[in-house]
Amino acid sequence: MQDADFEEQKLKKKELLKAFGALVYTNRQKLNKGINTFSYEYDIGNGLLSRLEKGLIDTKITTLWKLSNAFGYKCSEFVKMIEDCLPEDFNFYN
């Protein structure tokens, strides 16, 4: 049973990272900035940013904070936007 729970959590994490990445990508596009320009202006490595936008990696709270500020949001507002991209019943532990 624990293996099933672990696999379910992996799927949930992937879903969360995809939603986060899509939101970052969409907001960067709204600013009309390429990945290199954006990463330089906001001190976020372009490789890191690329992998985040693709939903391939997790992020640190400091990067989340930088991204939300770069898009003109408070971090809590940006997290709420991520939540809004996920199913209403999204939860790692059912």
N, C-alpha and C. Protein backbone atom coordinates (compact mmCIF):
# COMPACT_ATOMS: atom_id res chain seq x y z
N MET A 1 0.82 -1.20 0.00
CA MET A 1 0.00 0.00 0.00
C MET A 1 0.86 1.26 0.00
N GLN A 2 2.00 1.22 0.66
CA GLN A 2 2.85 2.39 0.72
C GLN A 2 3.39 2.74 -0.66
N ASP A 3 3.67 1.74 -1.49
CA ASP A 3 4.16 2.00 -2.84
C ASP A 3 3.13 2.77 -3.66
N ALA A 4 1.87 2.41 -3.50
CA ALA A 4 0.80 3.11 -4.21
C ALA A 4 0.71 4.56 -3.75
N ASP A 5 0.86 4.80 -2.46
CA ASP A 5 0.84 6.16 -1.93
C ASP A 5 2.02 6.97 -2.47
N PHE A 6 3.18 6.34 -2.52
CA PHE A 6 4.38 7.01 -3.04
C PHE A 6 4.19 7.38 -4.51
N GLU A 7 3.66 6.48 -5.30
CA GLU A 7 3.43 6.74 -6.72
C GLU A 7 2.39 7.85 -6.91
N GLU A 8 1.37 7.84 -6.07
CA GLU A 8 0.34 8.89 -6.14
C GLU A 8 0.95 10.25 -5.82
N GLN A 9 1.83 10.31 -4.82
CA GLN A 9 2.48 11.58 -4.47
C GLN A 9 3.39 12.05 -5.59
N LYS A 10 4.07 11.13 -6.27
CA LYS A 10 4.91 11.50 -7.40
C LYS A 10 4.07 12.11 -8.52
N LEU A 11 2.91 11.54 -8.77
CA LEU A 11 2.01 12.09 -9.79
C LEU A 11 1.50 13.47 -9.40
N LYS A 12 1.17 13.63 -8.13
CA LYS A 12 0.69 14.93 -7.64
C LYS A 12 1.78 15.98 -7.77
N LYS A 13 3.01 15.60 -7.43
CA LYS A 13 4.13 16.54 -7.54
C LYS A 13 4.33 16.95 -8.99
N LYS A 14 4.25 16.01 -9.88
CA LYS A 14 4.40 16.31 -11.31
C LYS A 14 3.31 17.27 -11.78
N GLU A 15 2.08 17.04 -11.34
CA GLU A 15 0.96 17.91 -11.69
C GLU A 15 1.19 19.33 -11.17
N LEU A 16 1.65 19.43 -9.93
CA LEU A 16 1.93 20.73 -9.32
C LEU A 16 3.05 21.46 -10.07
N LEU A 17 4.12 20.75 -10.39
CA LEU A 17 5.24 21.39 -11.09
C LEU A 17 4.84 21.83 -12.50
N LYS A 18 4.00 21.08 -13.17
CA LYS A 18 3.51 21.47 -14.50
C LYS A 18 2.67 22.73 -14.41
N ALA A 19 1.79 22.81 -13.42
CA ALA A 19 0.95 24.00 -13.25
C ALA A 19 1.81 25.22 -12.94
N PHE A 20 2.78 25.05 -12.06
CA PHE A 20 3.69 26.14 -11.71
C PHE A 20 4.46 26.60 -12.94
N GLY A 21 5.03 25.65 -13.67
CA GLY A 21 5.80 25.98 -14.86
C GLY A 21 4.99 26.71 -15.91
N ALA A 22 3.77 26.25 -16.14
CA ALA A 22 2.90 26.91 -17.12
C ALA A 22 2.58 28.34 -16.70
N LEU A 23 2.38 28.55 -15.41
CA LEU A 23 2.09 29.89 -14.91
C LEU A 23 3.30 30.81 -15.07
N VAL A 24 4.48 30.30 -14.78
CA VAL A 24 5.70 31.09 -14.96
C VAL A 24 5.87 31.45 -16.43
N TYR A 25 5.72 30.49 -17.29
CA TYR A 25 5.87 30.72 -18.73
C TYR A 25 4.87 31.77 -19.23
N THR A 26 3.61 31.62 -18.85
CA THR A 26 2.56 32.54 -19.29
C THR A 26 2.85 33.96 -18.82
N ASN A 27 3.26 34.11 -17.57
CA ASN A 27 3.55 35.44 -17.05
C ASN A 27 4.79 36.05 -17.70
N ARG A 28 5.79 35.24 -17.98
CA ARG A 28 6.98 35.76 -18.67
C ARG A 28 6.61 36.22 -20.08
N GLN A 29 5.76 35.49 -20.75
CA GLN A 29 5.33 35.87 -22.09
C GLN A 29 4.54 37.18 -22.05
N LYS A 30 3.73 37.36 -21.01
CA LYS A 30 2.97 38.61 -20.87
C LYS A 30 3.90 39.81 -20.75
N LEU A 31 5.07 39.59 -20.16
CA LEU A 31 6.07 40.66 -20.04
C LEU A 31 6.83 40.86 -21.35
N ASN A 32 6.58 39.97 -22.30
CA ASN A 32 7.23 40.02 -23.61
C ASN A 32 8.76 39.97 -23.47
N LYS A 33 9.22 39.06 -22.62
CA LYS A 33 10.66 38.92 -22.38
C LYS A 33 11.09 37.50 -22.72
N GLY A 34 12.18 37.40 -23.44
CA GLY A 34 12.78 36.10 -23.71
C GLY A 34 13.36 35.52 -22.44
N ILE A 35 13.65 34.26 -22.48
CA ILE A 35 14.15 33.58 -21.30
C ILE A 35 15.49 34.14 -20.84
N ASN A 36 16.38 34.48 -21.78
CA ASN A 36 17.68 35.03 -21.40
C ASN A 36 17.56 36.41 -20.77
N THR A 37 16.77 37.27 -21.37
CA THR A 37 16.58 38.62 -20.83
C THR A 37 15.95 38.57 -19.44
N PHE A 38 14.89 37.78 -19.34
CA PHE A 38 14.18 37.67 -18.06
C PHE A 38 15.11 37.14 -16.97
N SER A 39 15.84 36.06 -17.29
CA SER A 39 16.70 35.49 -16.25
C SER A 39 17.81 36.44 -15.85
N TYR A 40 18.32 37.20 -16.78
CA TYR A 40 19.37 38.17 -16.44
C TYR A 40 18.80 39.28 -15.56
N GLU A 41 17.66 39.83 -15.95
CA GLU A 41 17.07 40.96 -15.21
C GLU A 41 16.65 40.58 -13.79
N TYR A 42 16.28 39.33 -13.58
CA TYR A 42 15.74 38.94 -12.28
C TYR A 42 16.63 37.94 -11.54
N ASP A 43 17.87 37.79 -12.00
CA ASP A 43 18.86 36.97 -11.31
C ASP A 43 18.39 35.53 -11.07
N ILE A 44 17.88 34.94 -12.13
CA ILE A 44 17.46 33.54 -12.11
C ILE A 44 18.14 32.89 -13.30
N GLY A 45 18.90 31.86 -13.07
CA GLY A 45 19.62 31.20 -14.16
C GLY A 45 18.69 30.79 -15.29
N ASN A 46 19.12 30.99 -16.53
CA ASN A 46 18.23 30.67 -17.64
C ASN A 46 17.98 29.16 -17.76
N GLY A 47 18.97 28.33 -17.41
CA GLY A 47 18.75 26.89 -17.40
C GLY A 47 17.73 26.49 -16.35
N LEU A 48 17.85 27.09 -15.18
CA LEU A 48 16.89 26.84 -14.10
C LEU A 48 15.49 27.26 -14.53
N LEU A 49 15.40 28.46 -15.10
CA LEU A 49 14.11 28.98 -15.52
C LEU A 49 13.48 28.08 -16.59
N SER A 50 14.28 27.63 -17.52
CA SER A 50 13.78 26.76 -18.58
C SER A 50 13.23 25.45 -18.00
N ARG A 51 13.96 24.85 -17.08
CA ARG A 51 13.51 23.60 -16.48
C ARG A 51 12.27 23.81 -15.59
N LEU A 52 12.20 24.97 -14.92
CA LEU A 52 11.01 25.27 -14.12
C LEU A 52 9.78 25.40 -15.02
N GLU A 53 9.93 26.14 -16.12
CA GLU A 53 8.80 26.35 -17.02
C GLU A 53 8.30 25.05 -17.64
N LYS A 54 9.18 24.09 -17.80
CA LYS A 54 8.81 22.79 -18.36
C LYS A 54 8.27 21.84 -17.29
N GLY A 55 8.30 22.27 -16.04
CA GLY A 55 7.80 21.44 -14.95
C GLY A 55 8.72 20.28 -14.62
N LEU A 56 10.00 20.43 -14.91
CA LEU A 56 10.94 19.33 -14.71
C LEU A 56 11.58 19.31 -13.32
N ILE A 57 11.62 20.46 -12.65
CA ILE A 57 12.29 20.52 -11.36
C ILE A 57 11.46 21.32 -10.37
N ASP A 58 11.74 21.09 -9.12
CA ASP A 58 11.13 21.83 -8.02
C ASP A 58 11.94 23.11 -7.83
N THR A 59 11.43 24.01 -7.04
CA THR A 59 12.12 25.28 -6.83
C THR A 59 12.29 25.58 -5.35
N LYS A 60 13.18 26.50 -5.07
CA LYS A 60 13.38 26.97 -3.70
C LYS A 60 12.41 28.13 -3.44
N ILE A 61 12.14 28.37 -2.20
CA ILE A 61 11.23 29.47 -1.84
C ILE A 61 11.79 30.81 -2.31
N THR A 62 13.11 30.97 -2.30
CA THR A 62 13.67 32.25 -2.75
C THR A 62 13.41 32.47 -4.24
N THR A 63 13.49 31.41 -5.03
CA THR A 63 13.20 31.55 -6.46
C THR A 63 11.73 31.83 -6.68
N LEU A 64 10.87 31.17 -5.94
CA LEU A 64 9.43 31.44 -6.03
C LEU A 64 9.15 32.90 -5.70
N TRP A 65 9.81 33.40 -4.68
CA TRP A 65 9.62 34.79 -4.26
C TRP A 65 10.10 35.74 -5.37
N LYS A 66 11.27 35.47 -5.92
CA LYS A 66 11.81 36.32 -7.01
C LYS A 66 10.86 36.33 -8.20
N LEU A 67 10.36 35.16 -8.57
CA LEU A 67 9.46 35.09 -9.72
C LEU A 67 8.18 35.86 -9.47
N SER A 68 7.58 35.69 -8.32
CA SER A 68 6.33 36.40 -8.04
C SER A 68 6.56 37.91 -8.06
N ASN A 69 7.65 38.36 -7.50
CA ASN A 69 7.97 39.80 -7.53
C ASN A 69 8.24 40.29 -8.94
N ALA A 70 8.92 39.48 -9.75
CA ALA A 70 9.21 39.86 -11.13
C ALA A 70 7.92 40.07 -11.93
N PHE A 71 6.88 39.30 -11.60
CA PHE A 71 5.61 39.43 -12.30
C PHE A 71 4.69 40.46 -11.65
N GLY A 72 5.16 41.09 -10.57
CA GLY A 72 4.38 42.14 -9.93
C GLY A 72 3.38 41.64 -8.90
N TYR A 73 3.59 40.43 -8.38
CA TYR A 73 2.68 39.85 -7.39
C TYR A 73 3.39 39.68 -6.06
N LYS A 74 2.60 39.67 -5.00
CA LYS A 74 3.10 39.19 -3.71
C LYS A 74 3.23 37.68 -3.84
N CYS A 75 4.14 37.10 -3.10
CA CYS A 75 4.34 35.65 -3.18
C CYS A 75 3.05 34.90 -2.88
N SER A 76 2.31 35.35 -1.90
CA SER A 76 1.06 34.67 -1.53
C SER A 76 0.04 34.74 -2.68
N GLU A 77 0.02 35.83 -3.41
CA GLU A 77 -0.88 35.95 -4.56
C GLU A 77 -0.49 34.97 -5.66
N PHE A 78 0.82 34.84 -5.87
CA PHE A 78 1.30 33.94 -6.91
C PHE A 78 1.00 32.48 -6.54
N VAL A 79 1.17 32.15 -5.28
CA VAL A 79 0.84 30.79 -4.83
C VAL A 79 -0.65 30.53 -5.03
N LYS A 80 -1.47 31.51 -4.77
CA LYS A 80 -2.91 31.37 -4.99
C LYS A 80 -3.20 31.13 -6.47
N MET A 81 -2.48 31.79 -7.34
CA MET A 81 -2.66 31.59 -8.77
C MET A 81 -2.29 30.16 -9.16
N ILE A 82 -1.24 29.63 -8.53
CA ILE A 82 -0.86 28.24 -8.78
C ILE A 82 -1.99 27.31 -8.32
N GLU A 83 -2.50 27.58 -7.12
CA GLU A 83 -3.61 26.77 -6.60
C GLU A 83 -4.79 26.79 -7.56
N ASP A 84 -5.07 27.94 -8.14
CA ASP A 84 -6.21 28.07 -9.05
C ASP A 84 -6.02 27.28 -10.34
N CYS A 85 -4.79 26.92 -10.67
CA CYS A 85 -4.51 26.12 -11.86
C CYS A 85 -4.68 24.62 -11.60
N LEU A 86 -4.81 24.26 -10.36
CA LEU A 86 -4.92 22.85 -9.97
C LEU A 86 -6.38 22.48 -9.69
N PRO A 87 -6.69 21.19 -9.74
CA PRO A 87 -8.06 20.78 -9.37
C PRO A 87 -8.40 21.24 -7.96
N GLU A 88 -9.66 21.53 -7.74
CA GLU A 88 -10.09 22.06 -6.44
C GLU A 88 -9.75 21.12 -5.29
N ASP A 89 -9.77 19.83 -5.54
CA ASP A 89 -9.51 18.87 -4.47
C ASP A 89 -8.04 18.43 -4.42
N PHE A 90 -7.14 19.18 -5.05
CA PHE A 90 -5.73 18.80 -5.08
C PHE A 90 -5.17 18.74 -3.67
N ASN A 91 -4.52 17.59 -3.38
CA ASN A 91 -3.96 17.35 -2.06
C ASN A 91 -2.95 16.23 -2.19
N PHE A 92 -1.80 16.35 -1.58
CA PHE A 92 -0.81 15.29 -1.64
C PHE A 92 -1.24 14.07 -0.83
N TYR A 93 -1.99 14.29 0.21
CA TYR A 93 -2.39 13.20 1.11
C TYR A 93 -3.90 13.10 1.15
N ASN A 94 -4.42 12.05 0.55
CA ASN A 94 -5.89 11.89 0.51
C ASN A 94 -6.41 11.22 1.74
